[in-house]
Amino acid sequence: MDAQHTDTAPGRRPALTTARLTLDAPRVEDAPSILAIAGDPRTTVHNPSDHVEDLPEARRLVARWRSHWNDHGFGYWCVREHGDTAIVGYCGVKRMTAAGMPVLNLLYRFRPEMWGRGYATEAARAVVAWVTAHRPESTVLARVRPDNIASQRVALHAGLRRDPALDEPGEDGMDLAFTDRGSAAGRVL
């Protein structure tokens, strides 16, 4: 099932709905749930610089996400199963520069007990579809560590492809680039 986009008035944050998931913008009270995900060493084994140590750090992280939403009208969404309030992961895009070019960096991270259900792929597809519909001039980039095969698969299943021209060192070592450059949507830098 394709993602449903909730069109919103200026100042409101869009929510996305997939077959099994609801993606909505982070709220201040989501910080403990974000800590449970980003504070679990299993979720940051490939990106230790993303590890969150405590609740104050999680609150600062959520504040940065909310600031990105306020500045750009999009960002990282909190992911929930339909009919449940518990956050099972987060997925979205943020503005950044890669190899000197503006891109929207795609991130997906889920609670380990949710792994293997296809949720990361489902959420990533919804986010890529949202970008295609609402920011068609943008390039989506997923930066993935070479040994993170599961994350590489998610990027590919979300419609991205390997783009070695944008491979570059990240905070935790070399990042492989997966982008939508040259896709049917016509996004080419």
N, C-alpha and C. Protein backbone atom coordinates (compact mmCIF):
# COMPACT_ATOMS: atom_id res chain seq x y z
N MET A 1 0.85 -1.19 0.00
CA MET A 1 0.00 0.00 0.00
C MET A 1 0.88 1.24 0.00
N ASP A 2 0.55 2.21 -0.81
CA ASP A 2 1.31 3.44 -0.87
C ASP A 2 1.03 4.27 0.37
N ALA A 3 2.00 5.14 0.68
CA ALA A 3 1.84 6.01 1.83
C ALA A 3 0.81 7.09 1.54
N GLN A 4 0.07 7.43 2.53
CA GLN A 4 -0.88 8.53 2.45
C GLN A 4 -0.21 9.74 3.07
N HIS A 5 -0.30 10.87 2.41
CA HIS A 5 0.28 12.10 2.93
C HIS A 5 -0.86 12.97 3.41
N THR A 6 -0.74 13.45 4.62
CA THR A 6 -1.73 14.37 5.14
C THR A 6 -1.29 15.77 4.76
N ASP A 7 -2.00 16.39 3.81
CA ASP A 7 -1.67 17.76 3.44
C ASP A 7 -2.08 18.65 4.59
N THR A 8 -1.20 19.58 4.89
CA THR A 8 -1.45 20.42 6.05
C THR A 8 -1.36 21.89 5.67
N ALA A 9 -1.97 22.70 6.47
CA ALA A 9 -1.89 24.15 6.29
C ALA A 9 -0.50 24.63 6.69
N PRO A 10 -0.11 25.83 6.24
CA PRO A 10 1.19 26.36 6.64
C PRO A 10 1.35 26.33 8.16
N GLY A 11 2.53 25.92 8.60
CA GLY A 11 2.81 25.86 10.02
C GLY A 11 2.49 24.52 10.66
N ARG A 12 1.66 23.71 10.00
CA ARG A 12 1.35 22.38 10.51
C ARG A 12 2.34 21.39 9.94
N ARG A 13 2.56 20.32 10.64
CA ARG A 13 3.53 19.33 10.23
C ARG A 13 2.82 18.13 9.62
N PRO A 14 3.24 17.72 8.42
CA PRO A 14 2.55 16.61 7.76
C PRO A 14 2.77 15.29 8.48
N ALA A 15 1.75 14.47 8.48
CA ALA A 15 1.86 13.10 8.98
C ALA A 15 1.78 12.18 7.78
N LEU A 16 2.42 11.03 7.88
CA LEU A 16 2.40 10.03 6.83
C LEU A 16 1.77 8.77 7.38
N THR A 17 1.01 8.08 6.55
CA THR A 17 0.39 6.83 6.95
C THR A 17 0.70 5.78 5.90
N THR A 18 1.16 4.62 6.35
CA THR A 18 1.42 3.49 5.47
C THR A 18 0.45 2.37 5.85
N ALA A 19 0.65 1.21 5.27
CA ALA A 19 -0.23 0.08 5.57
C ALA A 19 -0.25 -0.25 7.05
N ARG A 20 0.91 -0.14 7.71
CA ARG A 20 0.99 -0.54 9.11
C ARG A 20 1.46 0.54 10.06
N LEU A 21 1.90 1.67 9.53
CA LEU A 21 2.59 2.66 10.35
C LEU A 21 2.00 4.05 10.21
N THR A 22 2.21 4.84 11.25
CA THR A 22 1.92 6.26 11.24
C THR A 22 3.21 6.99 11.57
N LEU A 23 3.55 7.97 10.76
CA LEU A 23 4.74 8.78 10.98
C LEU A 23 4.29 10.19 11.28
N ASP A 24 4.70 10.72 12.43
CA ASP A 24 4.34 12.09 12.75
C ASP A 24 5.54 12.82 13.33
N ALA A 25 5.46 14.14 13.28
CA ALA A 25 6.57 14.98 13.74
C ALA A 25 6.81 14.78 15.24
N PRO A 26 8.06 14.89 15.66
CA PRO A 26 8.37 14.67 17.08
C PRO A 26 7.80 15.77 17.97
N ARG A 27 7.44 15.34 19.16
CA ARG A 27 6.96 16.25 20.19
C ARG A 27 7.97 16.22 21.35
N VAL A 28 7.94 17.23 22.17
CA VAL A 28 8.85 17.31 23.31
C VAL A 28 8.75 16.06 24.17
N GLU A 29 7.53 15.58 24.39
CA GLU A 29 7.32 14.43 25.26
C GLU A 29 7.81 13.11 24.65
N ASP A 30 8.29 13.13 23.40
CA ASP A 30 8.82 11.92 22.77
C ASP A 30 10.26 11.61 23.17
N ALA A 31 10.92 12.51 23.88
CA ALA A 31 12.33 12.33 24.23
C ALA A 31 12.63 11.00 24.94
N PRO A 32 11.84 10.55 25.92
CA PRO A 32 12.16 9.26 26.55
C PRO A 32 12.12 8.09 25.56
N SER A 33 11.19 8.12 24.62
CA SER A 33 11.12 7.06 23.61
C SER A 33 12.31 7.12 22.67
N ILE A 34 12.74 8.32 22.32
CA ILE A 34 13.91 8.48 21.46
C ILE A 34 15.15 7.98 22.19
N LEU A 35 15.23 8.26 23.48
CA LEU A 35 16.35 7.74 24.29
C LEU A 35 16.36 6.22 24.28
N ALA A 36 15.20 5.61 24.40
CA ALA A 36 15.12 4.14 24.41
C ALA A 36 15.67 3.55 23.11
N ILE A 37 15.52 4.27 22.01
CA ILE A 37 16.02 3.79 20.73
C ILE A 37 17.49 4.16 20.55
N ALA A 38 17.80 5.46 20.59
CA ALA A 38 19.16 5.93 20.32
C ALA A 38 20.12 5.64 21.48
N GLY A 39 19.59 5.29 22.64
CA GLY A 39 20.43 4.94 23.77
C GLY A 39 20.74 3.45 23.84
N ASP A 40 20.13 2.67 22.98
CA ASP A 40 20.38 1.23 22.93
C ASP A 40 21.61 1.00 22.04
N PRO A 41 22.70 0.46 22.58
CA PRO A 41 23.92 0.30 21.78
C PRO A 41 23.73 -0.55 20.53
N ARG A 42 22.71 -1.40 20.51
CA ARG A 42 22.47 -2.21 19.31
C ARG A 42 22.04 -1.35 18.13
N THR A 43 21.37 -0.23 18.39
CA THR A 43 20.87 0.60 17.30
C THR A 43 21.94 1.53 16.74
N THR A 44 23.01 1.73 17.48
CA THR A 44 24.06 2.64 17.04
C THR A 44 25.40 1.93 16.85
N VAL A 45 25.39 0.61 16.75
CA VAL A 45 26.64 -0.14 16.62
C VAL A 45 27.42 0.31 15.39
N HIS A 46 26.75 0.65 14.31
CA HIS A 46 27.44 1.09 13.09
C HIS A 46 27.73 2.59 13.10
N ASN A 47 27.04 3.33 13.95
CA ASN A 47 27.20 4.78 14.06
C ASN A 47 27.27 5.19 15.52
N PRO A 48 28.37 4.85 16.19
CA PRO A 48 28.46 5.15 17.63
C PRO A 48 28.35 6.63 17.96
N SER A 49 28.67 7.51 17.03
CA SER A 49 28.55 8.94 17.32
C SER A 49 27.08 9.36 17.47
N ASP A 50 26.14 8.53 17.03
CA ASP A 50 24.71 8.82 17.18
C ASP A 50 24.15 8.34 18.52
N HIS A 51 24.96 7.64 19.31
CA HIS A 51 24.48 7.10 20.59
C HIS A 51 24.11 8.24 21.54
N VAL A 52 22.95 8.11 22.17
CA VAL A 52 22.45 9.10 23.13
C VAL A 52 22.60 8.50 24.53
N GLU A 53 23.23 9.24 25.42
CA GLU A 53 23.57 8.73 26.75
C GLU A 53 22.46 8.85 27.79
N ASP A 54 21.71 9.96 27.77
CA ASP A 54 20.78 10.20 28.86
C ASP A 54 19.60 11.05 28.37
N LEU A 55 18.63 11.24 29.24
CA LEU A 55 17.42 11.98 28.88
C LEU A 55 17.70 13.43 28.50
N PRO A 56 18.56 14.16 29.20
CA PRO A 56 18.84 15.53 28.75
C PRO A 56 19.40 15.57 27.31
N GLU A 57 20.25 14.61 26.98
CA GLU A 57 20.78 14.57 25.61
C GLU A 57 19.67 14.24 24.61
N ALA A 58 18.76 13.33 24.98
CA ALA A 58 17.63 13.00 24.11
C ALA A 58 16.73 14.22 23.93
N ARG A 59 16.53 14.98 24.97
CA ARG A 59 15.71 16.20 24.86
C ARG A 59 16.35 17.20 23.91
N ARG A 60 17.69 17.34 23.98
CA ARG A 60 18.39 18.25 23.06
C ARG A 60 18.27 17.75 21.62
N LEU A 61 18.35 16.44 21.43
CA LEU A 61 18.20 15.86 20.10
C LEU A 61 16.81 16.16 19.53
N VAL A 62 15.78 15.90 20.32
CA VAL A 62 14.42 16.18 19.88
C VAL A 62 14.25 17.68 19.60
N ALA A 63 14.86 18.52 20.41
CA ALA A 63 14.78 19.97 20.17
C ALA A 63 15.41 20.33 18.83
N ARG A 64 16.55 19.70 18.49
CA ARG A 64 17.18 19.95 17.18
C ARG A 64 16.26 19.49 16.06
N TRP A 65 15.63 18.33 16.22
CA TRP A 65 14.69 17.84 15.21
C TRP A 65 13.53 18.80 15.03
N ARG A 66 12.98 19.27 16.15
CA ARG A 66 11.85 20.19 16.08
C ARG A 66 12.26 21.52 15.44
N SER A 67 13.46 21.97 15.71
CA SER A 67 13.97 23.19 15.10
C SER A 67 14.08 23.02 13.58
N HIS A 68 14.56 21.86 13.13
CA HIS A 68 14.62 21.59 11.69
C HIS A 68 13.23 21.64 11.08
N TRP A 69 12.26 21.03 11.75
CA TRP A 69 10.86 21.10 11.29
C TRP A 69 10.40 22.55 11.19
N ASN A 70 10.68 23.33 12.23
CA ASN A 70 10.25 24.74 12.23
C ASN A 70 10.90 25.52 11.09
N ASP A 71 12.17 25.24 10.82
CA ASP A 71 12.90 25.98 9.79
C ASP A 71 12.55 25.53 8.37
N HIS A 72 12.24 24.23 8.17
CA HIS A 72 12.13 23.69 6.82
C HIS A 72 10.78 23.04 6.49
N GLY A 73 9.95 22.79 7.49
CA GLY A 73 8.65 22.17 7.23
C GLY A 73 8.69 20.67 7.05
N PHE A 74 9.82 20.05 7.35
CA PHE A 74 9.99 18.60 7.29
C PHE A 74 11.17 18.23 8.17
N GLY A 75 11.36 16.93 8.37
CA GLY A 75 12.46 16.47 9.21
C GLY A 75 12.32 14.99 9.52
N TYR A 76 12.65 14.63 10.74
CA TYR A 76 12.53 13.24 11.17
C TYR A 76 11.15 13.05 11.80
N TRP A 77 10.48 11.98 11.37
CA TRP A 77 9.18 11.61 11.91
C TRP A 77 9.36 10.52 12.96
N CYS A 78 8.51 10.51 13.97
CA CYS A 78 8.42 9.40 14.91
C CYS A 78 7.47 8.37 14.29
N VAL A 79 7.83 7.10 14.40
CA VAL A 79 7.07 6.03 13.75
C VAL A 79 6.36 5.21 14.81
N ARG A 80 5.06 5.00 14.56
CA ARG A 80 4.23 4.20 15.46
C ARG A 80 3.46 3.17 14.64
N GLU A 81 3.13 2.04 15.26
CA GLU A 81 2.22 1.10 14.62
C GLU A 81 0.82 1.71 14.71
N HIS A 82 -0.01 1.44 13.70
CA HIS A 82 -1.39 1.95 13.74
C HIS A 82 -2.06 1.55 15.04
N GLY A 83 -2.76 2.49 15.63
CA GLY A 83 -3.53 2.21 16.83
C GLY A 83 -2.71 2.14 18.11
N ASP A 84 -1.43 2.45 18.03
CA ASP A 84 -0.57 2.38 19.22
C ASP A 84 0.12 3.73 19.39
N THR A 85 0.35 4.12 20.61
CA THR A 85 1.03 5.39 20.86
C THR A 85 2.53 5.22 21.04
N ALA A 86 3.01 3.99 21.23
CA ALA A 86 4.43 3.75 21.46
C ALA A 86 5.23 4.00 20.18
N ILE A 87 6.35 4.68 20.33
CA ILE A 87 7.24 4.93 19.20
C ILE A 87 8.09 3.68 18.97
N VAL A 88 8.05 3.16 17.74
CA VAL A 88 8.83 1.96 17.40
C VAL A 88 10.11 2.33 16.66
N GLY A 89 10.20 3.57 16.20
CA GLY A 89 11.39 4.02 15.49
C GLY A 89 11.23 5.45 15.05
N TYR A 90 12.21 5.91 14.29
CA TYR A 90 12.11 7.21 13.67
C TYR A 90 12.74 7.15 12.29
N CYS A 91 12.23 7.98 11.41
CA CYS A 91 12.65 7.96 10.02
C CYS A 91 12.33 9.32 9.42
N GLY A 92 13.22 9.83 8.60
CA GLY A 92 12.95 11.09 7.94
C GLY A 92 14.18 11.61 7.24
N VAL A 93 14.10 12.87 6.85
CA VAL A 93 15.20 13.52 6.14
C VAL A 93 15.54 14.85 6.79
N LYS A 94 16.81 15.21 6.66
CA LYS A 94 17.24 16.53 7.10
C LYS A 94 18.17 17.11 6.04
N ARG A 95 18.17 18.42 5.97
CA ARG A 95 19.04 19.11 5.03
C ARG A 95 20.49 18.99 5.48
N MET A 96 21.36 18.73 4.51
CA MET A 96 22.79 18.71 4.79
C MET A 96 23.52 18.85 3.46
N THR A 97 24.84 18.82 3.52
CA THR A 97 25.67 18.88 2.33
C THR A 97 26.51 17.62 2.27
N ALA A 98 26.61 17.02 1.10
CA ALA A 98 27.46 15.86 0.87
C ALA A 98 28.26 16.11 -0.40
N ALA A 99 29.56 15.93 -0.31
CA ALA A 99 30.45 16.17 -1.46
C ALA A 99 30.19 17.56 -2.04
N GLY A 100 29.90 18.53 -1.18
CA GLY A 100 29.69 19.90 -1.60
C GLY A 100 28.33 20.19 -2.21
N MET A 101 27.41 19.20 -2.19
CA MET A 101 26.08 19.38 -2.79
C MET A 101 25.00 19.32 -1.72
N PRO A 102 23.94 20.12 -1.88
CA PRO A 102 22.83 20.02 -0.94
C PRO A 102 22.04 18.73 -1.18
N VAL A 103 21.72 18.06 -0.09
CA VAL A 103 20.96 16.80 -0.14
C VAL A 103 20.01 16.76 1.03
N LEU A 104 19.08 15.81 0.97
CA LEU A 104 18.24 15.48 2.12
C LEU A 104 18.70 14.12 2.61
N ASN A 105 19.33 14.11 3.78
CA ASN A 105 19.87 12.88 4.35
C ASN A 105 18.74 12.06 4.95
N LEU A 106 18.60 10.82 4.46
CA LEU A 106 17.57 9.89 4.94
C LEU A 106 18.12 9.08 6.10
N LEU A 107 17.40 9.08 7.20
CA LEU A 107 17.77 8.32 8.39
C LEU A 107 16.62 7.42 8.77
N TYR A 108 16.93 6.20 9.21
CA TYR A 108 15.92 5.30 9.75
C TYR A 108 16.57 4.51 10.88
N ARG A 109 15.89 4.46 12.00
CA ARG A 109 16.40 3.73 13.17
C ARG A 109 15.19 3.23 13.96
N PHE A 110 15.23 1.94 14.33
CA PHE A 110 14.09 1.30 14.98
C PHE A 110 14.53 0.51 16.20
N ARG A 111 13.60 0.31 17.12
CA ARG A 111 13.86 -0.53 18.29
C ARG A 111 14.25 -1.92 17.81
N PRO A 112 15.25 -2.54 18.41
CA PRO A 112 15.70 -3.87 17.96
C PRO A 112 14.60 -4.92 17.91
N GLU A 113 13.64 -4.86 18.82
CA GLU A 113 12.57 -5.86 18.80
C GLU A 113 11.64 -5.69 17.60
N MET A 114 11.78 -4.60 16.86
CA MET A 114 10.99 -4.35 15.65
C MET A 114 11.73 -4.77 14.38
N TRP A 115 13.01 -5.09 14.50
CA TRP A 115 13.81 -5.44 13.33
C TRP A 115 13.24 -6.70 12.67
N GLY A 116 13.39 -6.76 11.38
CA GLY A 116 12.95 -7.94 10.62
C GLY A 116 11.48 -7.91 10.21
N ARG A 117 10.77 -6.88 10.54
CA ARG A 117 9.34 -6.77 10.20
C ARG A 117 9.10 -5.95 8.93
N GLY A 118 10.15 -5.35 8.39
CA GLY A 118 9.99 -4.51 7.22
C GLY A 118 9.57 -3.08 7.53
N TYR A 119 9.56 -2.71 8.80
CA TYR A 119 9.12 -1.37 9.17
C TYR A 119 10.06 -0.28 8.64
N ALA A 120 11.36 -0.50 8.70
CA ALA A 120 12.30 0.52 8.22
C ALA A 120 12.09 0.77 6.73
N THR A 121 11.92 -0.30 5.97
CA THR A 121 11.67 -0.15 4.53
C THR A 121 10.35 0.57 4.28
N GLU A 122 9.32 0.18 5.00
CA GLU A 122 8.00 0.80 4.82
C GLU A 122 8.05 2.29 5.13
N ALA A 123 8.70 2.65 6.23
CA ALA A 123 8.81 4.06 6.61
C ALA A 123 9.70 4.82 5.62
N ALA A 124 10.83 4.23 5.23
CA ALA A 124 11.75 4.90 4.31
C ALA A 124 11.07 5.14 2.96
N ARG A 125 10.31 4.17 2.48
CA ARG A 125 9.57 4.36 1.21
C ARG A 125 8.59 5.53 1.33
N ALA A 126 7.90 5.61 2.45
CA ALA A 126 6.95 6.70 2.65
C ALA A 126 7.65 8.05 2.65
N VAL A 127 8.80 8.13 3.29
CA VAL A 127 9.54 9.39 3.34
C VAL A 127 10.07 9.76 1.95
N VAL A 128 10.63 8.80 1.23
CA VAL A 128 11.11 9.07 -0.13
C VAL A 128 9.96 9.52 -1.02
N ALA A 129 8.80 8.89 -0.89
CA ALA A 129 7.62 9.31 -1.67
C ALA A 129 7.20 10.72 -1.30
N TRP A 130 7.28 11.06 -0.01
CA TRP A 130 6.94 12.41 0.42
C TRP A 130 7.90 13.43 -0.21
N VAL A 131 9.19 13.12 -0.19
CA VAL A 131 10.17 14.03 -0.80
C VAL A 131 9.87 14.18 -2.29
N THR A 132 9.61 13.08 -2.98
CA THR A 132 9.32 13.13 -4.41
C THR A 132 8.12 14.03 -4.69
N ALA A 133 7.11 13.96 -3.84
CA ALA A 133 5.90 14.76 -4.04
C ALA A 133 6.06 16.22 -3.62
N HIS A 134 6.83 16.47 -2.54
CA HIS A 134 6.87 17.80 -1.95
C HIS A 134 8.18 18.55 -2.13
N ARG A 135 9.24 17.87 -2.45
CA ARG A 135 10.55 18.48 -2.66
C ARG A 135 11.21 17.82 -3.88
N PRO A 136 10.54 17.83 -5.03
CA PRO A 136 11.02 17.07 -6.19
C PRO A 136 12.40 17.50 -6.70
N GLU A 137 12.81 18.70 -6.36
CA GLU A 137 14.13 19.17 -6.80
C GLU A 137 15.26 18.63 -5.92
N SER A 138 14.93 17.99 -4.83
CA SER A 138 15.93 17.54 -3.85
C SER A 138 16.45 16.14 -4.17
N THR A 139 17.68 15.91 -3.76
CA THR A 139 18.28 14.59 -3.84
C THR A 139 18.21 13.95 -2.47
N VAL A 140 17.69 12.73 -2.41
CA VAL A 140 17.66 11.96 -1.17
C VAL A 140 18.95 11.14 -1.10
N LEU A 141 19.61 11.18 0.04
CA LEU A 141 20.85 10.46 0.27
C LEU A 141 20.75 9.65 1.56
N ALA A 142 21.00 8.35 1.47
CA ALA A 142 21.16 7.52 2.67
C ALA A 142 22.65 7.20 2.78
N ARG A 143 23.25 7.58 3.89
CA ARG A 143 24.67 7.28 4.14
C ARG A 143 24.73 6.04 5.02
N VAL A 144 25.38 4.99 4.51
CA VAL A 144 25.36 3.70 5.19
C VAL A 144 26.78 3.18 5.33
N ARG A 145 27.09 2.71 6.52
CA ARG A 145 28.41 2.11 6.77
C ARG A 145 28.55 0.83 5.95
N PRO A 146 29.75 0.54 5.44
CA PRO A 146 29.95 -0.62 4.57
C PRO A 146 29.53 -1.96 5.16
N ASP A 147 29.64 -2.12 6.47
CA ASP A 147 29.29 -3.41 7.08
C ASP A 147 27.84 -3.48 7.56
N ASN A 148 27.06 -2.44 7.30
CA ASN A 148 25.65 -2.43 7.72
C ASN A 148 24.78 -2.89 6.54
N ILE A 149 24.79 -4.18 6.30
CA ILE A 149 24.09 -4.77 5.16
C ILE A 149 22.57 -4.56 5.26
N ALA A 150 22.02 -4.68 6.46
CA ALA A 150 20.57 -4.50 6.62
C ALA A 150 20.15 -3.08 6.21
N SER A 151 20.91 -2.08 6.60
CA SER A 151 20.58 -0.70 6.24
C SER A 151 20.76 -0.47 4.74
N GLN A 152 21.74 -1.11 4.14
CA GLN A 152 21.91 -1.02 2.68
C GLN A 152 20.68 -1.58 1.97
N ARG A 153 20.18 -2.69 2.47
CA ARG A 153 18.97 -3.29 1.87
C ARG A 153 17.77 -2.37 1.98
N VAL A 154 17.62 -1.72 3.14
CA VAL A 154 16.51 -0.78 3.31
C VAL A 154 16.61 0.34 2.28
N ALA A 155 17.80 0.90 2.11
CA ALA A 155 17.99 1.98 1.14
C ALA A 155 17.59 1.52 -0.26
N LEU A 156 18.03 0.34 -0.64
CA LEU A 156 17.70 -0.18 -1.97
C LEU A 156 16.20 -0.43 -2.11
N HIS A 157 15.59 -1.02 -1.09
CA HIS A 157 14.15 -1.30 -1.14
C HIS A 157 13.32 -0.02 -1.09
N ALA A 158 13.90 1.07 -0.59
CA ALA A 158 13.20 2.36 -0.56
C ALA A 158 13.29 3.08 -1.91
N GLY A 159 14.00 2.46 -2.86
CA GLY A 159 14.08 3.05 -4.19
C GLY A 159 15.37 3.79 -4.48
N LEU A 160 16.32 3.74 -3.56
CA LEU A 160 17.61 4.39 -3.79
C LEU A 160 18.55 3.41 -4.46
N ARG A 161 19.64 3.91 -4.99
CA ARG A 161 20.66 3.04 -5.59
C ARG A 161 22.04 3.54 -5.18
N ARG A 162 23.01 2.64 -5.28
CA ARG A 162 24.39 3.01 -4.93
C ARG A 162 24.83 4.18 -5.80
N ASP A 163 25.49 5.13 -5.15
CA ASP A 163 25.98 6.33 -5.84
C ASP A 163 27.39 6.61 -5.31
N PRO A 164 28.38 5.85 -5.79
CA PRO A 164 29.75 5.97 -5.27
C PRO A 164 30.33 7.38 -5.37
N ALA A 165 29.81 8.21 -6.26
CA ALA A 165 30.32 9.57 -6.38
C ALA A 165 30.11 10.37 -5.10
N LEU A 166 29.15 9.96 -4.26
CA LEU A 166 28.89 10.68 -3.01
C LEU A 166 29.40 9.93 -1.78
N ASP A 167 30.13 8.82 -1.97
CA ASP A 167 30.77 8.17 -0.83
C ASP A 167 31.75 9.15 -0.20
N GLU A 168 31.77 9.21 1.12
CA GLU A 168 32.74 10.07 1.80
C GLU A 168 32.85 9.67 3.26
N PRO A 169 33.95 10.04 3.91
CA PRO A 169 34.09 9.71 5.32
C PRO A 169 33.05 10.47 6.16
N GLY A 170 32.47 9.74 7.12
CA GLY A 170 31.56 10.35 8.07
C GLY A 170 32.21 10.36 9.44
N GLU A 171 31.43 10.68 10.45
CA GLU A 171 31.95 10.75 11.82
C GLU A 171 32.48 9.41 12.31
N ASP A 172 31.92 8.31 11.79
CA ASP A 172 32.28 6.98 12.28
C ASP A 172 33.04 6.15 11.25
N GLY A 173 33.54 6.79 10.20
CA GLY A 173 34.26 6.08 9.16
C GLY A 173 33.62 6.32 7.80
N MET A 174 34.04 5.55 6.82
CA MET A 174 33.53 5.71 5.46
C MET A 174 32.04 5.41 5.40
N ASP A 175 31.31 6.28 4.70
CA ASP A 175 29.89 6.08 4.45
C ASP A 175 29.69 5.81 2.97
N LEU A 176 28.95 4.76 2.67
CA LEU A 176 28.54 4.49 1.30
C LEU A 176 27.28 5.28 1.01
N ALA A 177 27.20 5.83 -0.20
CA ALA A 177 26.06 6.66 -0.57
C ALA A 177 25.05 5.87 -1.39
N PHE A 178 23.79 6.04 -1.03
CA PHE A 178 22.64 5.52 -1.79
C PHE A 178 21.75 6.73 -2.06
N THR A 179 21.43 7.00 -3.32
CA THR A 179 20.64 8.19 -3.64
C THR A 179 19.55 7.87 -4.65
N ASP A 180 18.72 8.88 -4.88
CA ASP A 180 17.70 8.79 -5.92
C ASP A 180 18.13 9.60 -7.15
N ARG A 181 19.40 9.99 -7.23
CA ARG A 181 19.86 10.77 -8.40
C ARG A 181 19.66 9.96 -9.66
N GLY A 182 19.12 10.63 -10.67
CA GLY A 182 18.88 9.98 -11.95
C GLY A 182 17.66 9.07 -11.95
N SER A 183 16.82 9.18 -10.91
CA SER A 183 15.63 8.32 -10.83
C SER A 183 14.58 8.77 -11.83
N ALA A 184 13.53 8.00 -11.91
CA ALA A 184 12.41 8.33 -12.80
C ALA A 184 11.80 9.68 -12.45
N ALA A 185 11.97 10.09 -11.19
CA ALA A 185 11.45 11.39 -10.78
C ALA A 185 12.26 12.52 -11.42
N GLY A 186 13.41 12.17 -12.00
CA GLY A 186 14.18 13.16 -12.74
C GLY A 186 15.07 14.02 -11.87
N ARG A 187 15.31 13.61 -10.66
CA ARG A 187 16.15 14.42 -9.78
C ARG A 187 17.62 14.14 -10.08
N VAL A 188 18.27 15.08 -10.66
CA VAL A 188 19.69 14.96 -10.96
C VAL A 188 20.33 16.27 -10.55
N LEU A 189 21.47 16.17 -9.87
CA LEU A 189 22.18 17.39 -9.51
C LEU A 189 22.93 17.93 -10.69
